[in-house]
PDB file of N, CA and C in Angstrom:
ATOM      1  N   MET A   1      78.997  65.695  70.883  1.00  0.00           N
ATOM      2  CA  MET A   1      80.037  65.478  70.524  1.00  0.00           C
ATOM      3  C   MET A   1      80.795  64.219  71.210  1.00  0.00           C
ATOM      4  N   ALA A   2      81.823  63.848  70.647  1.00  0.00           N
ATOM      5  CA  ALA A   2      82.639  62.793  70.725  1.00  0.00           C
ATOM      6  C   ALA A   2      83.680  63.334  72.096  1.00  0.00           C
ATOM      7  N   ARG A   3      83.921  62.714  73.359  1.00  0.00           N
ATOM      8  CA  ARG A   3      84.590  62.847  74.060  1.00  0.00           C
ATOM      9  C   ARG A   3      86.773  62.910  73.522  1.00  0.00           C
ATOM     10  N   LEU A   4      86.903  64.089  73.490  1.00  0.00           N
ATOM     11  CA  LEU A   4      88.345  63.832  73.196  1.00  0.00           C
ATOM     12  C   LEU A   4      89.380  63.669  73.914  1.00  0.00           C
ATOM     13  N   ASN A   5      88.976  64.199  75.324  1.00  0.00           N
ATOM     14  CA  ASN A   5      89.843  63.673  76.474  1.00  0.00           C
ATOM     15  C   ASN A   5      89.650  62.597  77.155  1.00  0.00           C
ATOM     16  N   THR A   6      90.090  61.010  76.174  1.00  0.00           N
ATOM     17  CA  THR A   6      89.656  59.927  77.077  1.00  0.00           C
ATOM     18  C   THR A   6      90.453  59.266  78.014  1.00  0.00           C
ATOM     19  N   ASP A   7      91.568  59.769  77.866  1.00  0.00           N
ATOM     20  CA  ASP A   7      93.239  59.546  78.949  1.00  0.00           C
ATOM     21  C   ASP A   7      92.783  59.856  80.221  1.00  0.00           C
ATOM     22  N   PRO A   8      93.436  59.266  81.566  1.00  0.00           N
ATOM     23  CA  PRO A   8      92.937  59.812  82.414  1.00  0.00           C
ATOM     24  C   PRO A   8      94.170  60.796  82.880  1.00  0.00           C
ATOM     25  N   VAL A   9      93.831  61.734  83.406  1.00  0.00           N
ATOM     26  CA  VAL A   9      94.830  62.848  83.831  1.00  0.00           C
ATOM     27  C   VAL A   9      96.013  62.336  84.582  1.00  0.00           C
ATOM     28  N   SER A  10      96.988  62.575  84.173  1.00  0.00           N
ATOM     29  CA  SER A  10      98.166  62.236  85.000  1.00  0.00           C
ATOM     30  C   SER A  10      98.756  63.283  85.916  1.00  0.00           C
ATOM     31  N   THR A  11      99.176  62.645  87.193  1.00  0.00           N
ATOM     32  CA  THR A  11      99.458  63.657  87.907  1.00  0.00           C
ATOM     33  C   THR A  11     101.129  64.505  87.388  1.00  0.00           C
ATOM     34  N   ALA A  12     101.588  64.108  86.332  1.00  0.00           N
ATOM     35  CA  ALA A  12     102.675  64.646  85.838  1.00  0.00           C
ATOM     36  C   ALA A  12     102.184  65.649  84.658  1.00  0.00           C
ATOM     37  N   GLU A  13     101.412  65.503  84.127  1.00  0.00           N
ATOM     38  CA  GLU A  13     100.335  66.727  83.607  1.00  0.00           C
ATOM     39  C   GLU A  13      99.987  67.854  84.155  1.00  0.00           C
ATOM     40  N   LEU A  14      99.161  67.321  85.535  1.00  0.00           N
ATOM     41  CA  LEU A  14      98.667  68.388  86.251  1.00  0.00           C
ATOM     42  C   LEU A  14     100.025  69.007  87.167  1.00  0.00           C
ATOM     43  N   HIS A  15     101.205  68.069  87.127  1.00  0.00           N
ATOM     44  CA  HIS A  15     102.416  69.319  87.988  1.00  0.00           C
ATOM     45  C   HIS A  15     102.829  69.952  86.881  1.00  0.00           C
ATOM     46  N   ALA A  16     102.907  69.738  85.630  1.00  0.00           N
ATOM     47  CA  ALA A  16     103.749  70.503  84.780  1.00  0.00           C
ATOM     48  C   ALA A  16     102.819  71.941  84.545  1.00  0.00           C
ATOM     49  N   VAL A  17     101.428  71.796  84.541  1.00  0.00           N
ATOM     50  CA  VAL A  17     100.871  73.114  84.273  1.00  0.00           C
ATOM     51  C   VAL A  17     100.595  73.708  85.829  1.00  0.00           C
ATOM     52  N   LEU A  18     100.253  73.296  86.841  1.00  0.00           N
ATOM     53  CA  LEU A  18     100.299  73.761  87.959  1.00  0.00           C
ATOM     54  C   LEU A  18     101.330  74.292  88.784  1.00  0.00           C
ATOM     55  N   ALA A  19     102.651  73.863  88.083  1.00  0.00           N
ATOM     56  CA  ALA A  19     103.786  74.620  88.733  1.00  0.00           C
ATOM     57  C   ALA A  19     104.564  75.464  87.548  1.00  0.00           C
ATOM     58  N   THR A  20     103.438  75.879  86.600  1.00  0.00           N
ATOM     59  CA  THR A  20     104.227  77.132  86.037  1.00  0.00           C
ATOM     60  C   THR A  20     104.058  78.090  85.870  1.00  0.00           C
ATOM     61  N   PRO A  21     104.908  78.918  86.427  1.00  0.00           N
ATOM     62  CA  PRO A  21     105.290  80.113  87.561  1.00  0.00           C
ATOM     63  C   PRO A  21     104.385  81.277  86.752  1.00  0.00           C
ATOM     64  N   ASP A  22     104.477  81.493  85.611  1.00  0.00           N
ATOM     65  CA  ASP A  22     103.927  82.637  84.924  1.00  0.00           C
ATOM     66  C   ASP A  22     102.708  82.616  84.788  1.00  0.00           C
ATOM     67  N   LEU A  23     101.501  81.292  84.820  1.00  0.00           N
ATOM     68  CA  LEU A  23     100.262  81.748  84.792  1.00  0.00           C
ATOM     69  C   LEU A  23      99.595  81.798  85.889  1.00  0.00           C
ATOM     70  N   LEU A  24      98.515  82.711  85.778  1.00  0.00           N
ATOM     71  CA  LEU A  24      97.366  83.097  87.072  1.00  0.00           C
ATOM     72  C   LEU A  24      96.870  81.615  87.497  1.00  0.00           C
ATOM     73  N   ALA A  25      96.457  81.289  88.731  1.00  0.00           N
ATOM     74  CA  ALA A  25      95.565  80.430  89.192  1.00  0.00           C
ATOM     75  C   ALA A  25      94.480  80.075  88.294  1.00  0.00           C
ATOM     76  N   THR A  26      94.003  80.973  87.944  1.00  0.00           N
ATOM     77  CA  THR A  26      92.503  81.213  87.068  1.00  0.00           C
ATOM     78  C   THR A  26      92.770  80.909  85.716  1.00  0.00           C
ATOM     79  N   SER A  27      93.966  80.593  85.265  1.00  0.00           N
ATOM     80  CA  SER A  27      94.169  80.009  84.021  1.00  0.00           C
ATOM     81  C   SER A  27      94.221  78.856  84.256  1.00  0.00           C
ATOM     82  N   LYS A  28      95.152  78.748  84.800  1.00  0.00           N
ATOM     83  CA  LYS A  28      95.213  76.696  85.440  1.00  0.00           C
ATOM     84  C   LYS A  28      93.879  76.465  86.040  1.00  0.00           C
ATOM     85  N   ALA A  29      93.198  76.929  86.784  1.00  0.00           N
ATOM     86  CA  ALA A  29      91.895  76.842  86.940  1.00  0.00           C
ATOM     87  C   ALA A  29      90.887  76.185  85.719  1.00  0.00           C
ATOM     88  N   ILE A  30      91.302  76.937  84.658  1.00  0.00           N
ATOM     89  CA  ILE A  30      90.509  76.867  83.345  1.00  0.00           C
ATOM     90  C   ILE A  30      91.589  75.449  82.569  1.00  0.00           C
ATOM     91  N   TRP A  31      92.107  75.618  82.775  1.00  0.00           N
ATOM     92  CA  TRP A  31      93.191  74.692  82.060  1.00  0.00           C
ATOM     93  C   TRP A  31      92.628  73.218  82.785  1.00  0.00           C
ATOM     94  N   VAL A  32      92.758  73.074  83.972  1.00  0.00           N
ATOM     95  CA  VAL A  32      92.461  71.300  84.850  1.00  0.00           C
ATOM     96  C   VAL A  32      91.063  71.414  84.300  1.00  0.00           C
ATOM     97  N   HIS A  33      89.715  72.380  84.156  1.00  0.00           N
ATOM     98  CA  HIS A  33      88.677  72.288  83.377  1.00  0.00           C
ATOM     99  C   HIS A  33      88.405  71.737  82.357  1.00  0.00           C
ATOM    100  N   LEU A  34      89.107  72.286  81.298  1.00  0.00           N
ATOM    101  CA  LEU A  34      88.870  72.157  79.940  1.00  0.00           C
ATOM    102  C   LEU A  34      89.749  70.512  79.596  1.00  0.00           C
ATOM    103  N   ARG A  35      90.899  69.895  80.383  1.00  0.00           N
ATOM    104  CA  ARG A  35      91.164  68.825  80.536  1.00  0.00           C
ATOM    105  C   ARG A  35      90.566  67.676  81.227  1.00  0.00           C
ATOM    106  N   VAL A  36      89.684  68.039  82.092  1.00  0.00           N
ATOM    107  CA  VAL A  36      89.029  66.949  82.812  1.00  0.00           C
ATOM    108  C   VAL A  36      87.511  66.989  82.225  1.00  0.00           C
ATOM    109  N   THR A  37      86.996  67.663  81.733  1.00  0.00           N
ATOM    110  CA  THR A  37      85.870  67.649  81.063  1.00  0.00           C
ATOM    111  C   THR A  37      85.613  66.953  79.736  1.00  0.00           C
ATOM    112  N   SER A  38      84.293  66.224  79.518  1.00  0.00           N
ATOM    113  CA  SER A  38      84.449  65.045  78.269  1.00  0.00           C
ATOM    114  C   SER A  38      84.193  65.886  77.327  1.00  0.00           C
ATOM    115  N   ASP A  39      83.986  67.012  77.084  1.00  0.00           N
ATOM    116  CA  ASP A  39      83.508  67.519  75.833  1.00  0.00           C
ATOM    117  C   ASP A  39      84.371  69.085  76.043  1.00  0.00           C
ATOM    118  N   PRO A  40      84.599  69.284  74.291  1.00  0.00           N
ATOM    119  CA  PRO A  40      85.159  70.457  74.505  1.00  0.00           C
ATOM    120  C   PRO A  40      84.150  71.950  74.823  1.00  0.00           C
ATOM    121  N   GLN A  41      84.828  73.066  75.351  1.00  0.00           N
ATOM    122  CA  GLN A  41      83.626  74.000  75.998  1.00  0.00           C
ATOM    123  C   GLN A  41      84.053  75.297  75.046  1.00  0.00           C
ATOM    124  N   SER A  42      83.017  76.250  75.363  1.00  0.00           N
ATOM    125  CA  SER A  42      82.764  76.934  74.851  1.00  0.00           C
ATOM    126  C   SER A  42      83.207  78.102  75.622  1.00  0.00           C
ATOM    127  N   GLN A  43      83.583  79.333  75.333  1.00  0.00           N
ATOM    128  CA  GLN A  43      83.882  80.724  76.447  1.00  0.00           C
ATOM    129  C   GLN A  43      82.866  80.551  77.315  1.00  0.00           C
ATOM    130  N   LYS A  44      81.521  80.680  76.734  1.00  0.00           N
ATOM    131  CA  LYS A  44      80.439  80.787  78.049  1.00  0.00           C
ATOM    132  C   LYS A  44      80.310  79.845  78.664  1.00  0.00           C
ATOM    133  N   ALA A  45      80.783  78.544  78.174  1.00  0.00           N
ATOM    134  CA  ALA A  45      80.885  77.238  79.002  1.00  0.00           C
ATOM    135  C   ALA A  45      81.729  77.416  80.246  1.00  0.00           C
ATOM    136  N   ILE A  46      82.528  77.616  80.034  1.00  0.00           N
ATOM    137  CA  ILE A  46      84.034  77.986  81.016  1.00  0.00           C
ATOM    138  C   ILE A  46      83.184  79.051  82.042  1.00  0.00           C
ATOM    139  N   ALA A  47      83.030  80.393  81.556  1.00  0.00           N
ATOM    140  CA  ALA A  47      82.745  81.304  82.656  1.00  0.00           C
ATOM    141  C   ALA A  47      81.581  80.570  83.297  1.00  0.00           C
ATOM    142  N   ASP A  48      80.551  80.232  82.675  1.00  0.00           N
ATOM    143  CA  ASP A  48      79.023  79.392  83.853  1.00  0.00           C
ATOM    144  C   ASP A  48      79.663  78.323  84.661  1.00  0.00           C
ATOM    145  N   ALA A  49      80.715  77.393  84.044  1.00  0.00           N
ATOM    146  CA  ALA A  49      81.428  76.382  85.198  1.00  0.00           C
ATOM    147  C   ALA A  49      81.682  77.350  86.320  1.00  0.00           C
ATOM    148  N   LEU A  50      82.816  77.652  85.980  1.00  0.00           N
ATOM    149  CA  LEU A  50      83.875  77.964  86.747  1.00  0.00           C
ATOM    150  C   LEU A  50      83.360  79.481  87.753  1.00  0.00           C
ATOM    151  N   HIS A  51      82.197  79.913  87.402  1.00  0.00           N
ATOM    152  CA  HIS A  51      81.455  81.309  87.878  1.00  0.00           C
ATOM    153  C   HIS A  51      82.768  82.320  87.865  1.00  0.00           C
ATOM    154  N   MET A  52      82.959  82.547  86.243  1.00  0.00           N
ATOM    155  CA  MET A  52      83.595  83.678  85.996  1.00  0.00           C
ATOM    156  C   MET A  52      83.194  84.537  85.113  1.00  0.00           C
ATOM    157  N   ASP A  53      83.750  85.710  84.926  1.00  0.00           N
ATOM    158  CA  ASP A  53      83.291  86.617  83.916  1.00  0.00           C
ATOM    159  C   ASP A  53      83.680  86.150  82.555  1.00  0.00           C
ATOM    160  N   PRO A  54      82.843  86.319  81.398  1.00  0.00           N
ATOM    161  CA  PRO A  54      83.379  85.854  79.823  1.00  0.00           C
ATOM    162  C   PRO A  54      84.259  86.431  79.636  1.00  0.00           C
ATOM    163  N   ALA A  55      84.608  87.532  79.892  1.00  0.00           N
ATOM    164  CA  ALA A  55      85.537  88.203  79.015  1.00  0.00           C
ATOM    165  C   ALA A  55      86.985  88.222  80.075  1.00  0.00           C
ATOM    166  N   THR A  56      87.095  87.725  81.722  1.00  0.00           N
ATOM    167  CA  THR A  56      87.885  87.253  82.135  1.00  0.00           C
ATOM    168  C   THR A  56      88.387  86.285  81.604  1.00  0.00           C
ATOM    169  N   VAL A  57      87.439  85.279  81.199  1.00  0.00           N
ATOM    170  CA  VAL A  57      87.637  83.692  80.564  1.00  0.00           C
ATOM    171  C   VAL A  57      88.413  83.928  79.237  1.00  0.00           C
ATOM    172  N   ALA A  58      88.045  85.169  78.163  1.00  0.00           N
ATOM    173  CA  ALA A  58      88.494  84.983  76.928  1.00  0.00           C
ATOM    174  C   ALA A  58      90.033  85.524  77.441  1.00  0.00           C
ATOM    175  N   ARG A  59      90.268  86.482  78.396  1.00  0.00           N
ATOM    176  CA  ARG A  59      91.575  86.569  78.388  1.00  0.00           C
ATOM    177  C   ARG A  59      92.499  85.615  79.010  1.00  0.00           C
ATOM    178  N   LEU A  60      91.843  84.760  79.869  1.00  0.00           N
ATOM    179  CA  LEU A  60      92.584  83.584  80.227  1.00  0.00           C
ATOM    180  C   LEU A  60      92.849  82.674  79.271  1.00  0.00           C
ATOM    181  N   VAL A  61      92.147  82.184  78.478  1.00  0.00           N
ATOM    182  CA  VAL A  61      92.347  81.142  77.487  1.00  0.00           C
ATOM    183  C   VAL A  61      92.963  81.655  76.510  1.00  0.00           C
ATOM    184  N   ARG A  62      93.378  82.971  75.958  1.00  0.00           N
ATOM    185  CA  ARG A  62      94.107  83.511  75.247  1.00  0.00           C
ATOM    186  C   ARG A  62      95.651  83.276  75.934  1.00  0.00           C
ATOM    187  N   ALA A  63      95.573  83.614  77.186  1.00  0.00           N
ATOM    188  CA  ALA A  63      96.906  83.181  78.064  1.00  0.00           C
ATOM    189  C   ALA A  63      97.381  82.012  77.657  1.00  0.00           C
ATOM    190  N   LEU A  64      96.435  80.787  77.762  1.00  0.00           N
ATOM    191  CA  LEU A  64      96.903  79.776  77.837  1.00  0.00           C
ATOM    192  C   LEU A  64      97.482  79.475  76.155  1.00  0.00           C
ATOM    193  N   GLU A  65      96.639  79.765  75.568  1.00  0.00           N
ATOM    194  CA  GLU A  65      96.855  79.297  74.019  1.00  0.00           C
ATOM    195  C   GLU A  65      98.114  80.050  73.629  1.00  0.00           C
ATOM    196  N   ALA A  66      98.452  81.100  73.740  1.00  0.00           N
ATOM    197  CA  ALA A  66      99.783  81.497  73.798  1.00  0.00           C
ATOM    198  C   ALA A  66     100.833  80.812  74.351  1.00  0.00           C
ATOM    199  N   LYS A  67     100.995  79.917  75.415  1.00  0.00           N
ATOM    200  CA  LYS A  67     101.746  78.877  75.883  1.00  0.00           C
ATOM    201  C   LYS A  67     101.267  77.477  75.047  1.00  0.00           C
ATOM    202  N   ARG A  68     100.304  77.368  74.500  1.00  0.00           N
ATOM    203  CA  ARG A  68     100.312  76.025  73.688  1.00  0.00           C
ATOM    204  C   ARG A  68      99.815  75.240  74.818  1.00  0.00           C
ATOM    205  N   LEU A  69      98.724  75.882  75.577  1.00  0.00           N
ATOM    206  CA  LEU A  69      98.426  75.063  76.558  1.00  0.00           C
ATOM    207  C   LEU A  69      96.703  74.570  76.260  1.00  0.00           C
ATOM    208  N   ALA A  70      96.326  75.176  75.029  1.00  0.00           N
ATOM    209  CA  ALA A  70      94.520  75.487  75.083  1.00  0.00           C
ATOM    210  C   ALA A  70      94.779  75.469  73.347  1.00  0.00           C
ATOM    211  N   ARG A  71      93.710  75.194  72.456  1.00  0.00           N
ATOM    212  CA  ARG A  71      93.366  75.850  71.032  1.00  0.00           C
ATOM    213  C   ARG A  71      92.104  75.692  71.043  1.00  0.00           C
ATOM    214  N   LYS A  72      91.792  76.520  70.330  1.00  0.00           N
ATOM    215  CA  LYS A  72      90.254  76.838  69.696  1.00  0.00           C
ATOM    216  C   LYS A  72      90.274  76.131  68.469  1.00  0.00           C
ATOM    217  N   VAL A  73      88.991  75.151  68.450  1.00  0.00           N
ATOM    218  CA  VAL A  73      88.876  74.367  67.136  1.00  0.00           C
ATOM    219  C   VAL A  73      87.240  74.412  67.262  1.00  0.00           C
ATOM    220  N   HIS A  74      86.398  74.880  66.186  1.00  0.00           N
ATOM    221  CA  HIS A  74      85.312  75.250  65.603  1.00  0.00           C
ATOM    222  C   HIS A  74      84.798  75.963  66.848  1.00  0.00           C
ATOM    223  N   GLY A  75      85.102  76.749  67.135  1.00  0.00           N
ATOM    224  CA  GLY A  75      84.652  77.729  68.095  1.00  0.00           C
ATOM    225  C   GLY A  75      84.738  77.593  69.860  1.00  0.00           C
ATOM    226  N   VAL A  76      85.202  75.853  69.817  1.00  0.00           N
ATOM    227  CA  VAL A  76      85.099  75.690  71.450  1.00  0.00           C
ATOM    228  C   VAL A  76      86.502  75.306  71.353  1.00  0.00           C
ATOM    229  N   TRP A  77      86.865  75.011  72.909  1.00  0.00           N
ATOM    230  CA  TRP A  77      87.986  75.577  73.584  1.00  0.00           C
ATOM    231  C   TRP A  77      88.743  73.894  73.935  1.00  0.00           C
ATOM    232  N   LEU A  78      89.689  73.382  73.781  1.00  0.00           N
ATOM    233  CA  LEU A  78      90.758  72.089  73.925  1.00  0.00           C
ATOM    234  C   LEU A  78      91.753  72.582  75.062  1.00  0.00           C
ATOM    235  N   ALA A  79      92.012  71.587  75.839  1.00  0.00           N
ATOM    236  CA  ALA A  79      93.116  71.611  76.723  1.00  0.00           C
ATOM    237  C   ALA A  79      94.061  71.047  75.476  1.00  0.00           C
ATOM    238  N   GLU A  80      95.464  71.547  75.837  1.00  0.00           N
ATOM    239  CA  GLU A  80      96.645  70.856  75.190  1.00  0.00           C
ATOM    240  C   GLU A  80      97.333  70.328  76.184  1.00  0.00           C
ATOM    241  N   LEU A  81      98.134  69.192  75.852  1.00  0.00           N
ATOM    242  CA  LEU A  81      99.150  68.500  76.989  1.00  0.00           C
ATOM    243  C   LEU A  81     100.195  69.628  77.311  1.00  0.00           C
ATOM    244  N   PRO A  82     100.839  69.719  78.636  1.00  0.00           N
ATOM    245  CA  PRO A  82     102.149  70.529  77.877  1.00  0.00           C
ATOM    246  C   PRO A  82     103.179  69.788  77.660  1.00  0.00           C
ATOM    247  N   ARG A  83     104.104  70.372  77.131  1.00  0.00           N
ATOM    248  CA  ARG A  83     105.601  70.119  76.435  1.00  0.00           C
ATOM    249  C   ARG A  83     106.496  70.128  77.144  1.00  0.00           C
TER     250      ARG A  83
END
């Protein structure tokens, strides 16, 4: 699979997400993981990489999706840039 996040992560991007007060720290960790990994990630891959329960990951990626910070494409998750 081609790498989709080819640009380096800027400090402005990180700050925009990490300073979001209504996101849990674990949601922020998932966003950072999605943003810095070279390939899109399944919920299971995210759970394995971050040593989290898959049900927790499912809930947290939905929260990211609701804030337009992640999207699901063909069964895998991608980080979206903060707007």
